[in-house]
Protein backbone atom coordinates (compact mmCIF):
# COMPACT_ATOMS: atom_id res chain seq x y z
CA MET A 1 0.00 0.00 0.00
CA GLY A 2 1.44 3.39 -0.93
CA TRP A 3 1.49 6.34 1.44
CA GLY A 4 1.94 9.94 0.28
CA LEU A 5 3.94 12.68 1.95
CA GLY A 6 0.75 14.20 3.36
CA ASP A 7 -0.20 10.90 4.93
CA GLU A 8 3.30 10.50 6.36
CA LYS A 9 3.05 13.86 8.11
CA GLN A 10 -0.42 13.07 9.37
CA MET A 11 0.60 9.69 10.81
CA LYS A 12 3.08 11.38 13.13
CA ASN A 13 0.08 12.75 15.01
CA PHE A 14 -1.11 9.30 16.09
CA PRO A 15 1.39 7.79 18.57
CA LEU A 16 0.31 4.58 20.29
CA GLU A 17 0.69 6.37 23.60
CA LYS A 18 3.17 8.67 25.32
CA GLY A 19 6.71 7.44 24.72
CA TYR A 20 5.80 5.33 21.69
CA PRO A 21 5.79 6.15 17.97
CA CYS A 22 2.83 5.73 15.61
CA ILE A 23 2.04 2.39 14.02
CA ASN A 24 3.10 3.68 10.62
CA TYR A 25 6.59 4.40 11.97
CA ILE A 26 6.81 0.84 13.33
CA VAL A 27 5.76 -0.59 9.96
CA LYS A 28 8.05 1.66 7.90
CA ASN A 29 11.09 0.81 10.04
CA TRP A 30 10.41 -2.91 10.56
CA PRO A 31 12.19 -5.06 11.76
CA ARG A 32 14.31 -2.44 13.59
CA THR A 33 11.18 -1.40 15.50
CA LYS A 34 10.28 -4.92 16.58
CA TYR A 35 11.60 -4.32 20.09
CA ILE A 36 9.32 -1.25 20.41
CA LEU A 37 6.26 -3.30 19.53
CA LYS A 38 7.39 -6.06 21.89
CA LYS A 39 7.69 -3.59 24.78
CA TYR A 40 4.27 -2.14 24.03
CA ILE A 41 2.54 -5.52 23.70
CA LEU A 42 4.01 -6.88 26.95
CA SER A 43 3.30 -3.74 28.95
CA ASN A 44 0.43 -4.38 31.36
CA HIS A 45 1.09 -2.02 34.28
CA LYS A 46 -2.01 0.05 33.49
CA LYS A 47 -5.27 -0.44 31.62
CA PRO A 48 -4.94 0.49 27.96
CA ASP A 49 -7.19 3.17 26.48
CA LEU A 50 -8.92 0.84 24.03
CA TYR A 51 -11.10 3.58 22.58
CA SER A 52 -8.11 5.77 21.70
CA ILE A 53 -6.22 2.78 20.28
CA ALA A 54 -9.21 1.78 18.13
CA ILE A 55 -9.61 5.34 16.81
CA LEU A 56 -5.91 5.69 15.96
CA CYS A 57 -6.02 2.28 14.23
CA LEU A 58 -8.89 3.57 12.08
CA LYS A 59 -6.86 6.65 11.21
CA GLU A 60 -3.79 4.55 10.46
CA LEU A 61 -5.99 2.58 8.06
CA LYS A 62 -6.99 5.88 6.44
CA ILE A 63 -10.46 6.15 7.93
CA PHE A 64 -10.38 9.75 9.10
CA LYS A 65 -14.12 10.46 9.20
CA VAL A 66 -14.91 8.51 12.35
CA ARG A 67 -17.69 10.65 13.84
CA GLY A 68 -20.39 8.24 12.71
CA TYR A 69 -18.66 5.37 14.53
CA ASN A 70 -17.42 7.17 17.66
CA SER A 71 -20.26 6.35 20.03
CA THR A 72 -20.40 2.69 18.97
CA ILE A 73 -16.63 2.18 19.30
CA LYS A 74 -16.63 3.98 22.64
CA LYS A 75 -19.37 1.68 23.95
CA LEU A 76 -17.58 -1.43 22.67
CA SER A 77 -14.30 -0.24 24.21
CA LYS A 78 -15.93 0.18 27.61
CA LEU A 79 -17.39 -3.31 27.39
CA CYS A 80 -13.97 -4.73 26.49
CA LEU A 81 -12.38 -3.05 29.52
CA ARG A 82 -14.61 -5.06 31.82
CA ASN A 83 -12.99 -8.13 33.32
CA PRO A 84 -15.58 -9.78 35.60
CA CYS A 85 -13.76 -13.13 35.55
CA PHE A 86 -10.43 -11.48 36.49
CA ASN A 87 -8.69 -12.92 33.43
CA SER A 88 -4.93 -12.51 33.33
CA TYR A 89 -4.58 -13.31 29.61
CA HIS A 90 -7.91 -12.66 27.85
CA ASP A 91 -8.13 -9.13 29.15
CA SER A 92 -7.83 -5.58 27.79
CA HIS A 93 -4.11 -6.10 27.11
CA HIS A 94 -4.88 -9.01 24.77
CA PHE A 95 -7.44 -6.82 22.99
CA LYS A 96 -4.79 -4.07 22.71
CA SER A 97 -2.33 -6.54 21.23
CA VAL A 98 -4.76 -7.94 18.64
CA LEU A 99 -5.93 -4.43 17.72
CA VAL A 100 -2.44 -3.11 17.01
CA ILE A 101 -1.13 -6.23 15.26
CA SER A 102 -4.30 -6.40 13.14
CA CYS A 103 -3.74 -2.80 12.13
CA ILE A 104 -0.13 -3.56 11.17
CA LEU A 105 -1.26 -6.53 9.08
CA GLY A 106 -4.14 -4.56 7.60
CA LYS A 107 -1.71 -1.97 6.28
CA GLN A 108 -0.08 -4.69 4.16
CA ILE A 109 -3.30 -5.46 2.27
CA ASN A 110 -5.41 -3.27 0.03
CA LEU A 111 -8.60 -3.63 2.07
CA LYS A 112 -11.85 -2.00 1.07
CA TYR A 113 -12.97 0.99 3.16
CA LYS A 114 -15.72 -0.90 5.05
CA ASP A 115 -13.39 -3.87 5.63
CA ARG A 116 -10.93 -1.59 7.41
CA LEU A 117 -13.71 -0.54 9.78
CA LEU A 118 -14.76 -4.16 10.30
CA LEU A 119 -11.15 -5.13 11.00
CA VAL A 120 -10.88 -2.73 13.92
CA ILE A 121 -14.27 -3.75 15.34
CA ILE A 122 -13.50 -7.48 15.12
CA ALA A 123 -9.97 -7.11 16.53
CA LEU A 124 -11.34 -5.13 19.47
CA THR A 125 -14.25 -7.41 20.35
CA HIS A 126 -13.31 -10.94 19.24
CA ASP A 127 -12.90 -12.09 22.89
CA MET A 128 -15.34 -9.68 24.53
CA ASN A 129 -17.05 -11.06 27.67
CA HIS A 130 -14.43 -13.79 27.89
CA GLN A 131 -15.25 -16.33 30.57
CA GLY A 132 -11.66 -17.28 31.34
CA ARG A 133 -11.31 -20.63 33.09
CA ARG A 134 -15.01 -21.39 32.67
CA ILE A 135 -14.65 -22.04 28.93
CA LEU A 136 -12.63 -25.20 29.67
CA MET A 137 -15.91 -26.80 30.72
CA SER A 138 -17.92 -25.38 27.80
CA LYS A 139 -18.92 -26.69 24.39
CA PRO A 140 -16.83 -25.75 21.33
CA TYR A 141 -17.53 -22.21 20.08
CA TYR A 142 -19.35 -21.29 23.31
CA GLN A 143 -17.04 -18.34 24.00
CA GLU A 144 -16.88 -17.20 20.38
CA LEU A 145 -20.68 -17.13 20.10
CA LYS A 146 -20.97 -15.36 23.46
CA SER A 147 -18.55 -12.67 22.30
CA PHE A 148 -20.45 -12.28 19.04
CA ALA A 149 -23.80 -12.04 20.85
CA GLY A 150 -22.43 -9.16 22.92
CA LEU A 151 -21.22 -7.39 19.79
CA GLU A 152 -24.47 -8.00 17.92
CA LYS A 153 -26.47 -6.32 20.69
CA VAL A 154 -24.47 -3.14 20.17
CA LEU A 155 -24.32 -3.22 16.37
CA PHE A 156 -27.82 -4.49 15.51
CA ARG A 157 -29.46 -2.13 12.99
CA LYS A 158 -26.66 0.39 13.38
CA ILE A 159 -23.51 0.53 11.25
CA LEU A 160 -23.59 -3.05 9.89
CA ASN A 161 -26.11 -5.04 7.89
CA PHE A 162 -27.16 -8.70 8.30
CA LYS A 163 -24.64 -9.99 5.73
CA GLU A 164 -21.77 -8.22 7.49
CA LEU A 165 -22.86 -9.53 10.89
CA LYS A 166 -22.99 -13.07 9.50
CA ARG A 167 -19.45 -12.62 8.19
CA ILE A 168 -18.27 -11.40 11.59
CA LYS A 169 -19.90 -14.37 13.30
CA ARG A 170 -17.99 -16.77 11.04
CA ILE A 171 -14.70 -15.01 11.81
CA PHE A 172 -15.39 -15.12 15.55
CA GLU A 173 -16.06 -18.87 15.33
CA SER A 174 -12.82 -19.36 13.38
CA THR A 175 -10.83 -18.04 16.37
CA PHE A 176 -11.76 -21.17 18.36
CA PHE A 177 -8.19 -22.40 18.56
CA PRO A 178 -8.53 -26.21 18.98
CA ILE A 179 -10.27 -26.58 15.61
CA GLN A 180 -8.68 -25.43 12.37
CA PRO A 181 -11.15 -23.45 10.26
CA GLU A 182 -11.79 -24.64 6.72
CA ASN A 183 -11.48 -22.68 3.48
CA VAL A 184 -10.06 -19.48 4.91
CA GLU A 185 -10.14 -17.11 1.95
CA ASP A 186 -11.41 -13.92 3.58
CA ASP A 187 -8.53 -11.45 4.13
CA LEU A 188 -10.17 -10.14 7.31
CA GLU A 189 -10.35 -13.66 8.69
CA LYS A 190 -6.68 -14.27 7.85
CA ILE A 191 -5.63 -11.07 9.61
CA ILE A 192 -7.63 -11.80 12.78
CA LEU A 193 -6.50 -15.43 13.00
CA ASP A 194 -2.85 -14.38 12.64
CA ALA A 195 -3.12 -11.38 14.98
CA ASP A 196 -4.79 -13.47 17.68
CA ILE A 197 -1.68 -15.62 18.18
CA LEU A 198 1.20 -13.59 16.71
CA SER A 199 2.23 -11.95 19.98
CA SER A 200 3.10 -15.44 21.30
CA LEU A 201 5.18 -16.27 18.21
CA MET A 202 6.80 -13.18 16.69
CA PHE A 203 8.99 -12.11 19.63
CA GLY A 204 10.64 -15.46 20.36
CA PRO A 205 9.99 -18.31 22.82
CA LYS A 206 10.79 -16.29 25.96
CA VAL A 207 7.90 -13.93 25.25
CA GLY A 208 5.72 -16.91 24.31
CA VAL A 209 6.43 -18.47 27.71
CA LYS A 210 5.79 -15.15 29.46
CA LEU A 211 2.36 -14.85 27.84
CA ALA A 212 1.71 -18.51 28.58
CA GLY A 213 2.37 -17.65 32.22
CA ARG A 214 -0.54 -15.20 32.11
CA LEU A 215 -2.77 -17.88 30.58
CA LYS A 216 -1.57 -20.42 33.17
CA GLN A 217 -2.78 -18.12 35.94
CA GLU A 218 -6.10 -17.53 34.18
CA ILE A 219 -6.97 -21.21 33.63
CA ARG A 220 -5.21 -22.39 36.82
CA TYR A 221 -2.96 -24.72 34.86
CA ASN A 222 -1.10 -27.07 37.23
CA ASP A 223 2.17 -27.45 35.30
CA ASN A 224 4.65 -24.72 34.40
CA ALA A 225 4.31 -22.04 31.72
CA GLU A 226 7.02 -23.66 29.57
CA LEU A 227 4.96 -26.83 29.22
CA LEU A 228 1.80 -24.82 28.50
CA PHE A 229 3.63 -22.96 25.72
CA THR A 230 5.03 -26.23 24.35
CA ASN A 231 1.51 -27.66 24.26
CA PHE A 232 0.32 -24.53 22.48
CA LEU A 233 2.95 -25.07 19.78
CA LYS A 234 1.93 -28.73 19.48
CA LEU A 235 -1.72 -27.76 19.19
CA LEU A 236 -0.69 -25.27 16.52
CA GLY A 237 0.73 -28.32 14.76
CA GLY A 238 -0.37 -28.45 11.15
CA LYS A 239 -1.94 -25.02 11.35
CA CYS A 240 -0.04 -22.13 9.90
CA LEU A 241 -0.04 -18.37 9.79
CA TYR A 242 -2.00 -17.22 6.77
CA LEU A 243 -0.20 -14.07 5.68
CA ASP A 244 3.36 -13.94 4.35
CA TYR A 245 3.99 -10.79 6.40
CA SER A 246 3.01 -12.69 9.54
CA LYS A 247 5.36 -15.55 8.72
CA LYS A 248 8.26 -13.22 8.01
CA SER A 249 7.67 -11.42 11.31
CA CYS A 250 8.46 -14.56 13.32
């Protein structure tokens, strides 16, 4: 995707947060900026401002007229900040990670205007209302359908039509990790599936184990984080990252 001089100047106005550059700077200077993204993704000392991150992701994807979406994204962001199950992995920091990585991946593909909006909404809400440890005792797709139901309540008859909601539901279901989705041809689906797990892969095994440690606490896993991460890699097995940019980032 090409970016003009005017866009370059404008992107400097959208830093991730104080002390960090904008996403466009990270992309333009990759892989030298990989350590910056790693620091940002792992940071969890304070709650992220999901609304601000979602808005800057929209702007990074060249959606500058966001007034019509502001109230909806603000409401979704507030819902995603809730953590009633006290999750230590599927929390606002995971949403932050998937949002930013999805935006980075989205900048590599010539997405349609509406798809760029959908990308940010899906990345933000794909694990909304996550039940944490409880999902271990649930049926397949229980969590994914619960997250979608929460999103549908907010979006129904607003900015998306029935066909778009059906598409989002399919993408949510595809994020159910134990089962590999079939016939993944939708670019949005590829981005979300990659972004959902890339933070555990792209920064090396030490970071993967660190994130596994957060999941271990959430699901009360009895063995150590190293074994949990090893099992994650085994479960990944025949699956693969869908985008070449994702593969090259690891």
